[in-house]
Amino acid sequence: MITFQILIIAGAAVGTAITYPLGGLIILYLNWEWVFYGTGVITLAWSMAWWLYAFDAPSKHPRITDDEKEYLQEQIGDLVNKKVR
């Protein structure tokens, strides 16, 4: 759990570190509006990919096999049981 939190925080920092210099270059060569268009397009693409590929549970995922669903459900059940103890 802590690892995912670290990745989220680090991802936000890396995103900022990449966006600011690229935004400056875009403003230099194009115009300031293109910074907003570019980040908007990237956000839209990310949102669509998330909508297509992320699901609430393995049982709701349409493109994995029954064996994979069963394995993932067992792993989730084991994690829940360990946390309850």
PDB file of N, CA and C in Angstrom:
ATOM      1  N   MET A   1       0.823  -1.192   0.000  1.00  0.00           N
ATOM      2  CA  MET A   1       0.000   0.000   0.000  1.00  0.00           C
ATOM      3  C   MET A   1       0.860   1.246   0.000  1.00  0.00           C
ATOM      4  N   ILE A   2       1.880   1.262   0.826  1.00  0.00           N
ATOM      5  CA  ILE A   2       2.752   2.426   0.903  1.00  0.00           C
ATOM      6  C   ILE A   2       3.485   2.626  -0.423  1.00  0.00           C
ATOM      7  N   THR A   3       3.848   1.547  -1.084  1.00  0.00           N
ATOM      8  CA  THR A   3       4.548   1.648  -2.359  1.00  0.00           C
ATOM      9  C   THR A   3       3.711   2.399  -3.380  1.00  0.00           C
ATOM     10  N   PHE A   4       2.416   2.114  -3.451  1.00  0.00           N
ATOM     11  CA  PHE A   4       1.561   2.811  -4.401  1.00  0.00           C
ATOM     12  C   PHE A   4       1.459   4.296  -4.073  1.00  0.00           C
ATOM     13  N   GLN A   5       1.421   4.631  -2.809  1.00  0.00           N
ATOM     14  CA  GLN A   5       1.372   6.040  -2.416  1.00  0.00           C
ATOM     15  C   GLN A   5       2.644   6.758  -2.841  1.00  0.00           C
ATOM     16  N   ILE A   6       3.774   6.101  -2.679  1.00  0.00           N
ATOM     17  CA  ILE A   6       5.046   6.688  -3.095  1.00  0.00           C
ATOM     18  C   ILE A   6       5.067   6.896  -4.599  1.00  0.00           C
ATOM     19  N   LEU A   7       4.569   5.918  -5.355  1.00  0.00           N
ATOM     20  CA  LEU A   7       4.527   6.050  -6.811  1.00  0.00           C
ATOM     21  C   LEU A   7       3.623   7.198  -7.257  1.00  0.00           C
ATOM     22  N   ILE A   8       2.509   7.366  -6.582  1.00  0.00           N
ATOM     23  CA  ILE A   8       1.591   8.453  -6.933  1.00  0.00           C
ATOM     24  C   ILE A   8       2.249   9.801  -6.673  1.00  0.00           C
ATOM     25  N   ILE A   9       2.868   9.960  -5.531  1.00  0.00           N
ATOM     26  CA  ILE A   9       3.526  11.222  -5.197  1.00  0.00           C
ATOM     27  C   ILE A   9       4.696  11.482  -6.148  1.00  0.00           C
ATOM     28  N   ALA A  10       5.491  10.453  -6.412  1.00  0.00           N
ATOM     29  CA  ALA A  10       6.624  10.611  -7.320  1.00  0.00           C
ATOM     30  C   ALA A  10       6.136  10.910  -8.737  1.00  0.00           C
ATOM     31  N   GLY A  11       5.047  10.282  -9.152  1.00  0.00           N
ATOM     32  CA  GLY A  11       4.499  10.549 -10.479  1.00  0.00           C
ATOM     33  C   GLY A  11       4.052  11.984 -10.635  1.00  0.00           C
ATOM     34  N   ALA A  12       3.460  12.535  -9.612  1.00  0.00           N
ATOM     35  CA  ALA A  12       3.045  13.941  -9.662  1.00  0.00           C
ATOM     36  C   ALA A  12       4.264  14.851  -9.788  1.00  0.00           C
ATOM     37  N   ALA A  13       5.325  14.560  -9.052  1.00  0.00           N
ATOM     38  CA  ALA A  13       6.539  15.375  -9.123  1.00  0.00           C
ATOM     39  C   ALA A  13       7.208  15.254 -10.495  1.00  0.00           C
ATOM     40  N   VAL A  14       7.282  14.039 -11.017  1.00  0.00           N
ATOM     41  CA  VAL A  14       7.891  13.837 -12.332  1.00  0.00           C
ATOM     42  C   VAL A  14       7.052  14.520 -13.412  1.00  0.00           C
ATOM     43  N   GLY A  15       5.743  14.423 -13.308  1.00  0.00           N
ATOM     44  CA  GLY A  15       4.875  15.095 -14.265  1.00  0.00           C
ATOM     45  C   GLY A  15       5.080  16.593 -14.276  1.00  0.00           C
ATOM     46  N   THR A  16       5.214  17.170 -13.108  1.00  0.00           N
ATOM     47  CA  THR A  16       5.477  18.606 -13.009  1.00  0.00           C
ATOM     48  C   THR A  16       6.846  18.943 -13.593  1.00  0.00           C
ATOM     49  N   ALA A  17       7.851  18.135 -13.274  1.00  0.00           N
ATOM     50  CA  ALA A  17       9.201  18.379 -13.772  1.00  0.00           C
ATOM     51  C   ALA A  17       9.280  18.282 -15.292  1.00  0.00           C
ATOM     52  N   ILE A  18       8.435  17.483 -15.896  1.00  0.00           N
ATOM     53  CA  ILE A  18       8.420  17.360 -17.357  1.00  0.00           C
ATOM     54  C   ILE A  18       7.549  18.436 -17.989  1.00  0.00           C
ATOM     55  N   THR A  19       6.413  18.722 -17.385  1.00  0.00           N
ATOM     56  CA  THR A  19       5.452  19.654 -17.973  1.00  0.00           C
ATOM     57  C   THR A  19       5.975  21.083 -18.021  1.00  0.00           C
ATOM     58  N   TYR A  20       6.622  21.557 -16.978  1.00  0.00           N
ATOM     59  CA  TYR A  20       7.077  22.954 -16.950  1.00  0.00           C
ATOM     60  C   TYR A  20       8.085  23.267 -18.057  1.00  0.00           C
ATOM     61  N   PRO A  21       9.142  22.488 -18.217  1.00  0.00           N
ATOM     62  CA  PRO A  21      10.069  22.802 -19.311  1.00  0.00           C
ATOM     63  C   PRO A  21       9.429  22.635 -20.698  1.00  0.00           C
ATOM     64  N   LEU A  22       8.635  21.584 -20.869  1.00  0.00           N
ATOM     65  CA  LEU A  22       7.969  21.401 -22.156  1.00  0.00           C
ATOM     66  C   LEU A  22       6.987  22.528 -22.436  1.00  0.00           C
ATOM     67  N   GLY A  23       6.299  22.981 -21.396  1.00  0.00           N
ATOM     68  CA  GLY A  23       5.391  24.118 -21.558  1.00  0.00           C
ATOM     69  C   GLY A  23       6.141  25.351 -22.023  1.00  0.00           C
ATOM     70  N   GLY A  24       7.320  25.581 -21.461  1.00  0.00           N
ATOM     71  CA  GLY A  24       8.135  26.710 -21.886  1.00  0.00           C
ATOM     72  C   GLY A  24       8.542  26.606 -23.343  1.00  0.00           C
ATOM     73  N   LEU A  25       8.933  25.401 -23.773  1.00  0.00           N
ATOM     74  CA  LEU A  25       9.304  25.205 -25.177  1.00  0.00           C
ATOM     75  C   LEU A  25       8.112  25.393 -26.104  1.00  0.00           C
ATOM     76  N   ILE A  26       6.970  24.898 -25.689  1.00  0.00           N
ATOM     77  CA  ILE A  26       5.761  25.062 -26.509  1.00  0.00           C
ATOM     78  C   ILE A  26       5.412  26.537 -26.641  1.00  0.00           C
ATOM     79  N   ILE A  27       5.495  27.282 -25.557  1.00  0.00           N
ATOM     80  CA  ILE A  27       5.222  28.720 -25.610  1.00  0.00           C
ATOM     81  C   ILE A  27       6.237  29.414 -26.518  1.00  0.00           C
ATOM     82  N   LEU A  28       7.487  29.005 -26.446  1.00  0.00           N
ATOM     83  CA  LEU A  28       8.542  29.621 -27.244  1.00  0.00           C
ATOM     84  C   LEU A  28       8.304  29.411 -28.741  1.00  0.00           C
ATOM     85  N   TYR A  29       7.936  28.190 -29.127  1.00  0.00           N
ATOM     86  CA  TYR A  29       7.824  27.868 -30.552  1.00  0.00           C
ATOM     87  C   TYR A  29       6.415  27.998 -31.112  1.00  0.00           C
ATOM     88  N   LEU A  30       5.403  27.883 -30.294  1.00  0.00           N
ATOM     89  CA  LEU A  30       4.032  27.981 -30.792  1.00  0.00           C
ATOM     90  C   LEU A  30       3.361  29.200 -30.172  1.00  0.00           C
ATOM     91  N   ASN A  31       2.563  28.965 -29.156  1.00  0.00           N
ATOM     92  CA  ASN A  31       1.864  30.045 -28.472  1.00  0.00           C
ATOM     93  C   ASN A  31       1.413  29.510 -27.118  1.00  0.00           C
ATOM     94  N   TRP A  32       1.073  30.386 -26.193  1.00  0.00           N
ATOM     95  CA  TRP A  32       0.713  29.936 -24.854  1.00  0.00           C
ATOM     96  C   TRP A  32      -0.532  29.064 -24.848  1.00  0.00           C
ATOM     97  N   GLU A  33      -1.459  29.272 -25.818  1.00  0.00           N
ATOM     98  CA  GLU A  33      -2.679  28.459 -25.839  1.00  0.00           C
ATOM     99  C   GLU A  33      -2.380  26.979 -26.059  1.00  0.00           C
ATOM    100  N   TRP A  34      -1.305  26.700 -26.801  1.00  0.00           N
ATOM    101  CA  TRP A  34      -0.987  25.315 -27.131  1.00  0.00           C
ATOM    102  C   TRP A  34      -0.576  24.493 -25.913  1.00  0.00           C
ATOM    103  N   VAL A  35      -0.124  25.142 -24.872  1.00  0.00           N
ATOM    104  CA  VAL A  35       0.174  24.419 -23.630  1.00  0.00           C
ATOM    105  C   VAL A  35      -1.114  23.803 -23.088  1.00  0.00           C
ATOM    106  N   PHE A  36      -2.192  24.571 -23.121  1.00  0.00           N
ATOM    107  CA  PHE A  36      -3.475  24.076 -22.623  1.00  0.00           C
ATOM    108  C   PHE A  36      -4.064  23.020 -23.556  1.00  0.00           C
ATOM    109  N   TYR A  37      -3.927  23.226 -24.867  1.00  0.00           N
ATOM    110  CA  TYR A  37      -4.405  22.221 -25.818  1.00  0.00           C
ATOM    111  C   TYR A  37      -3.648  20.903 -25.634  1.00  0.00           C
ATOM    112  N   GLY A  38      -2.328  20.999 -25.505  1.00  0.00           N
ATOM    113  CA  GLY A  38      -1.514  19.782 -25.359  1.00  0.00           C
ATOM    114  C   GLY A  38      -1.827  19.012 -24.094  1.00  0.00           C
ATOM    115  N   THR A  39      -1.883  19.725 -22.967  1.00  0.00           N
ATOM    116  CA  THR A  39      -2.202  19.021 -21.719  1.00  0.00           C
ATOM    117  C   THR A  39      -3.633  18.494 -21.741  1.00  0.00           C
ATOM    118  N   GLY A  40      -4.525  19.196 -22.399  1.00  0.00           N
ATOM    119  CA  GLY A  40      -5.905  18.713 -22.517  1.00  0.00           C
ATOM    120  C   GLY A  40      -5.998  17.438 -23.333  1.00  0.00           C
ATOM    121  N   VAL A  41      -5.257  17.388 -24.442  1.00  0.00           N
ATOM    122  CA  VAL A  41      -5.266  16.190 -25.288  1.00  0.00           C
ATOM    123  C   VAL A  41      -4.652  15.004 -24.545  1.00  0.00           C
ATOM    124  N   ILE A  42      -3.551  15.240 -23.851  1.00  0.00           N
ATOM    125  CA  ILE A  42      -2.920  14.163 -23.085  1.00  0.00           C
ATOM    126  C   ILE A  42      -3.858  13.660 -21.992  1.00  0.00           C
ATOM    127  N   THR A  43      -4.523  14.579 -21.304  1.00  0.00           N
ATOM    128  CA  THR A  43      -5.475  14.195 -20.260  1.00  0.00           C
ATOM    129  C   THR A  43      -6.641  13.404 -20.835  1.00  0.00           C
ATOM    130  N   LEU A  44      -7.153  13.830 -21.973  1.00  0.00           N
ATOM    131  CA  LEU A  44      -8.249  13.119 -22.619  1.00  0.00           C
ATOM    132  C   LEU A  44      -7.827  11.719 -23.045  1.00  0.00           C
ATOM    133  N   ALA A  45      -6.634  11.603 -23.621  1.00  0.00           N
ATOM    134  CA  ALA A  45      -6.136  10.286 -24.037  1.00  0.00           C
ATOM    135  C   ALA A  45      -5.959   9.364 -22.831  1.00  0.00           C
ATOM    136  N   TRP A  46      -5.390   9.885 -21.736  1.00  0.00           N
ATOM    137  CA  TRP A  46      -5.210   9.086 -20.517  1.00  0.00           C
ATOM    138  C   TRP A  46      -6.559   8.643 -19.953  1.00  0.00           C
ATOM    139  N   SER A  47      -7.513   9.553 -19.936  1.00  0.00           N
ATOM    140  CA  SER A  47      -8.839   9.234 -19.398  1.00  0.00           C
ATOM    141  C   SER A  47      -9.529   8.158 -20.233  1.00  0.00           C
ATOM    142  N   MET A  48      -9.411   8.251 -21.538  1.00  0.00           N
ATOM    143  CA  MET A  48     -10.041   7.238 -22.405  1.00  0.00           C
ATOM    144  C   MET A  48      -9.364   5.883 -22.221  1.00  0.00           C
ATOM    145  N   ALA A  49      -8.021   5.874 -22.126  1.00  0.00           N
ATOM    146  CA  ALA A  49      -7.316   4.610 -21.908  1.00  0.00           C
ATOM    147  C   ALA A  49      -7.727   3.994 -20.574  1.00  0.00           C
ATOM    148  N   TRP A  50      -7.838   4.820 -19.532  1.00  0.00           N
ATOM    149  CA  TRP A  50      -8.260   4.329 -18.214  1.00  0.00           C
ATOM    150  C   TRP A  50      -9.671   3.765 -18.291  1.00  0.00           C
ATOM    151  N   TRP A  51     -10.556   4.453 -18.982  1.00  0.00           N
ATOM    152  CA  TRP A  51     -11.946   4.013 -19.104  1.00  0.00           C
ATOM    153  C   TRP A  51     -12.024   2.678 -19.841  1.00  0.00           C
ATOM    154  N   LEU A  52     -11.169   2.479 -20.849  1.00  0.00           N
ATOM    155  CA  LEU A  52     -11.200   1.241 -21.628  1.00  0.00           C
ATOM    156  C   LEU A  52     -10.541   0.060 -20.918  1.00  0.00           C
ATOM    157  N   TYR A  53      -9.496   0.313 -20.128  1.00  0.00           N
ATOM    158  CA  TYR A  53      -8.687  -0.787 -19.609  1.00  0.00           C
ATOM    159  C   TYR A  53      -8.764  -1.019 -18.104  1.00  0.00           C
ATOM    160  N   ALA A  54      -9.345  -0.109 -17.350  1.00  0.00           N
ATOM    161  CA  ALA A  54      -9.415  -0.281 -15.898  1.00  0.00           C
ATOM    162  C   ALA A  54     -10.826  -0.695 -15.484  1.00  0.00           C
ATOM    163  N   PHE A  55     -10.899  -1.663 -14.596  1.00  0.00           N
ATOM    164  CA  PHE A  55     -12.187  -2.168 -14.128  1.00  0.00           C
ATOM    165  C   PHE A  55     -12.172  -2.279 -12.615  1.00  0.00           C
ATOM    166  N   ASP A  56     -13.359  -2.275 -12.012  1.00  0.00           N
ATOM    167  CA  ASP A  56     -13.478  -2.301 -10.566  1.00  0.00           C
ATOM    168  C   ASP A  56     -13.051  -3.620  -9.944  1.00  0.00           C
ATOM    169  N   ALA A  57     -13.217  -4.699 -10.679  1.00  0.00           N
ATOM    170  CA  ALA A  57     -12.899  -6.018 -10.136  1.00  0.00           C
ATOM    171  C   ALA A  57     -12.549  -6.951 -11.288  1.00  0.00           C
ATOM    172  N   PRO A  58     -11.761  -7.975 -11.022  1.00  0.00           N
ATOM    173  CA  PRO A  58     -11.444  -8.939 -12.082  1.00  0.00           C
ATOM    174  C   PRO A  58     -12.694  -9.581 -12.685  1.00  0.00           C
ATOM    175  N   SER A  59     -13.718  -9.755 -11.889  1.00  0.00           N
ATOM    176  CA  SER A  59     -14.936 -10.388 -12.401  1.00  0.00           C
ATOM    177  C   SER A  59     -15.653  -9.517 -13.433  1.00  0.00           C
ATOM    178  N   LYS A  60     -15.369  -8.218 -13.437  1.00  0.00           N
ATOM    179  CA  LYS A  60     -16.005  -7.309 -14.388  1.00  0.00           C
ATOM    180  C   LYS A  60     -15.174  -7.081 -15.649  1.00  0.00           C
ATOM    181  N   HIS A  61     -13.960  -7.617 -15.675  1.00  0.00           N
ATOM    182  CA  HIS A  61     -13.067  -7.402 -16.808  1.00  0.00           C
ATOM    183  C   HIS A  61     -13.440  -8.346 -17.943  1.00  0.00           C
ATOM    184  N   PRO A  62     -13.722  -7.822 -19.141  1.00  0.00           N
ATOM    185  CA  PRO A  62     -14.186  -8.676 -20.231  1.00  0.00           C
ATOM    186  C   PRO A  62     -13.080  -9.398 -20.997  1.00  0.00           C
ATOM    187  N   ARG A  63     -11.818  -9.001 -20.826  1.00  0.00           N
ATOM    188  CA  ARG A  63     -10.771  -9.543 -21.686  1.00  0.00           C
ATOM    189  C   ARG A  63      -9.754 -10.425 -20.968  1.00  0.00           C
ATOM    190  N   ILE A  64     -10.054 -10.922 -19.778  1.00  0.00           N
ATOM    191  CA  ILE A  64      -9.136 -11.856 -19.144  1.00  0.00           C
ATOM    192  C   ILE A  64      -9.808 -13.222 -19.066  1.00  0.00           C
ATOM    193  N   THR A  65      -8.989 -14.250 -18.986  1.00  0.00           N
ATOM    194  CA  THR A  65      -9.525 -15.610 -18.988  1.00  0.00           C
ATOM    195  C   THR A  65     -10.130 -15.953 -17.628  1.00  0.00           C
ATOM    196  N   ASP A  66     -10.890 -17.023 -17.622  1.00  0.00           N
ATOM    197  CA  ASP A  66     -11.494 -17.479 -16.366  1.00  0.00           C
ATOM    198  C   ASP A  66     -10.432 -17.880 -15.354  1.00  0.00           C
ATOM    199  N   ASP A  67      -9.336 -18.488 -15.828  1.00  0.00           N
ATOM    200  CA  ASP A  67      -8.247 -18.869 -14.920  1.00  0.00           C
ATOM    201  C   ASP A  67      -7.630 -17.634 -14.263  1.00  0.00           C
ATOM    202  N   GLU A  68      -7.422 -16.575 -15.052  1.00  0.00           N
ATOM    203  CA  GLU A  68      -6.870 -15.344 -14.496  1.00  0.00           C
ATOM    204  C   GLU A  68      -7.824 -14.719 -13.483  1.00  0.00           C
ATOM    205  N   LYS A  69      -9.107 -14.713 -13.803  1.00  0.00           N
ATOM    206  CA  LYS A  69     -10.099 -14.160 -12.873  1.00  0.00           C
ATOM    207  C   LYS A  69     -10.085 -14.929 -11.557  1.00  0.00           C
ATOM    208  N   GLU A  70     -10.052 -16.244 -11.661  1.00  0.00           N
ATOM    209  CA  GLU A  70     -10.053 -17.074 -10.452  1.00  0.00           C
ATOM    210  C   GLU A  70      -8.800 -16.816  -9.611  1.00  0.00           C
ATOM    211  N   TYR A  71      -7.646 -16.766 -10.261  1.00  0.00           N
ATOM    212  CA  TYR A  71      -6.386 -16.511  -9.548  1.00  0.00           C
ATOM    213  C   TYR A  71      -6.425 -15.161  -8.839  1.00  0.00           C
ATOM    214  N   LEU A  72      -6.858 -14.129  -9.545  1.00  0.00           N
ATOM    215  CA  LEU A  72      -6.905 -12.790  -8.951  1.00  0.00           C
ATOM    216  C   LEU A  72      -7.895 -12.729  -7.796  1.00  0.00           C
ATOM    217  N   GLN A  73      -9.034 -13.379  -7.927  1.00  0.00           N
ATOM    218  CA  GLN A  73     -10.019 -13.382  -6.838  1.00  0.00           C
ATOM    219  C   GLN A  73      -9.447 -14.083  -5.607  1.00  0.00           C
ATOM    220  N   GLU A  74      -8.689 -15.168  -5.824  1.00  0.00           N
ATOM    221  CA  GLU A  74      -8.062 -15.863  -4.700  1.00  0.00           C
ATOM    222  C   GLU A  74      -7.040 -14.955  -4.009  1.00  0.00           C
ATOM    223  N   GLN A  75      -6.238 -14.255  -4.807  1.00  0.00           N
ATOM    224  CA  GLN A  75      -5.221 -13.363  -4.244  1.00  0.00           C
ATOM    225  C   GLN A  75      -5.867 -12.218  -3.460  1.00  0.00           C
ATOM    226  N   ILE A  76      -6.932 -11.663  -3.987  1.00  0.00           N
ATOM    227  CA  ILE A  76      -7.643 -10.585  -3.298  1.00  0.00           C
ATOM    228  C   ILE A  76      -8.228 -11.107  -1.995  1.00  0.00           C
ATOM    229  N   GLY A  77      -8.809 -12.306  -2.039  1.00  0.00           N
ATOM    230  CA  GLY A  77      -9.364 -12.909  -0.828  1.00  0.00           C
ATOM    231  C   GLY A  77      -8.298 -13.149   0.216  1.00  0.00           C
ATOM    232  N   ASP A  78      -7.117 -13.614  -0.203  1.00  0.00           N
ATOM    233  CA  ASP A  78      -6.010 -13.839   0.738  1.00  0.00           C
ATOM    234  C   ASP A  78      -5.571 -12.527   1.389  1.00  0.00           C
ATOM    235  N   LEU A  79      -5.491 -11.462   0.604  1.00  0.00           N
ATOM    236  CA  LEU A  79      -5.088 -10.161   1.158  1.00  0.00           C
ATOM    237  C   LEU A  79      -6.108  -9.656   2.170  1.00  0.00           C
ATOM    238  N   VAL A  80      -7.376  -9.825   1.860  1.00  0.00           N
ATOM    239  CA  VAL A  80      -8.429  -9.372   2.779  1.00  0.00           C
ATOM    240  C   VAL A  80      -8.360 -10.169   4.067  1.00  0.00           C
ATOM    241  N   ASN A  81      -8.163 -11.480   3.950  1.00  0.00           N
ATOM    242  CA  ASN A  81      -8.077 -12.323   5.155  1.00  0.00           C
ATOM    243  C   ASN A  81      -6.864 -11.953   6.016  1.00  0.00           C
ATOM    244  N   LYS A  82      -5.731 -11.620   5.403  1.00  0.00           N
ATOM    245  CA  LYS A  82      -4.555 -11.227   6.176  1.00  0.00           C
ATOM    246  C   LYS A  82      -4.775  -9.917   6.905  1.00  0.00           C
ATOM    247  N   LYS A  83      -5.487  -8.989   6.294  1.00  0.00           N
ATOM    248  CA  LYS A  83      -5.732  -7.695   6.928  1.00  0.00           C
ATOM    249  C   LYS A  83      -6.745  -7.810   8.060  1.00  0.00           C
ATOM    250  N   VAL A  84      -7.682  -8.747   7.957  1.00  0.00           N
ATOM    251  CA  VAL A  84      -8.704  -8.922   8.982  1.00  0.00           C
ATOM    252  C   VAL A  84      -8.103  -9.523  10.241  1.00  0.00           C
ATOM    253  N   ARG A  85      -7.126 -10.387  10.076  1.00  0.00           N
ATOM    254  CA  ARG A  85      -6.512 -11.077  11.229  1.00  0.00           C
ATOM    255  C   ARG A  85      -5.802 -10.167  12.119  1.00  0.00           C
TER     256      ARG A  85
END
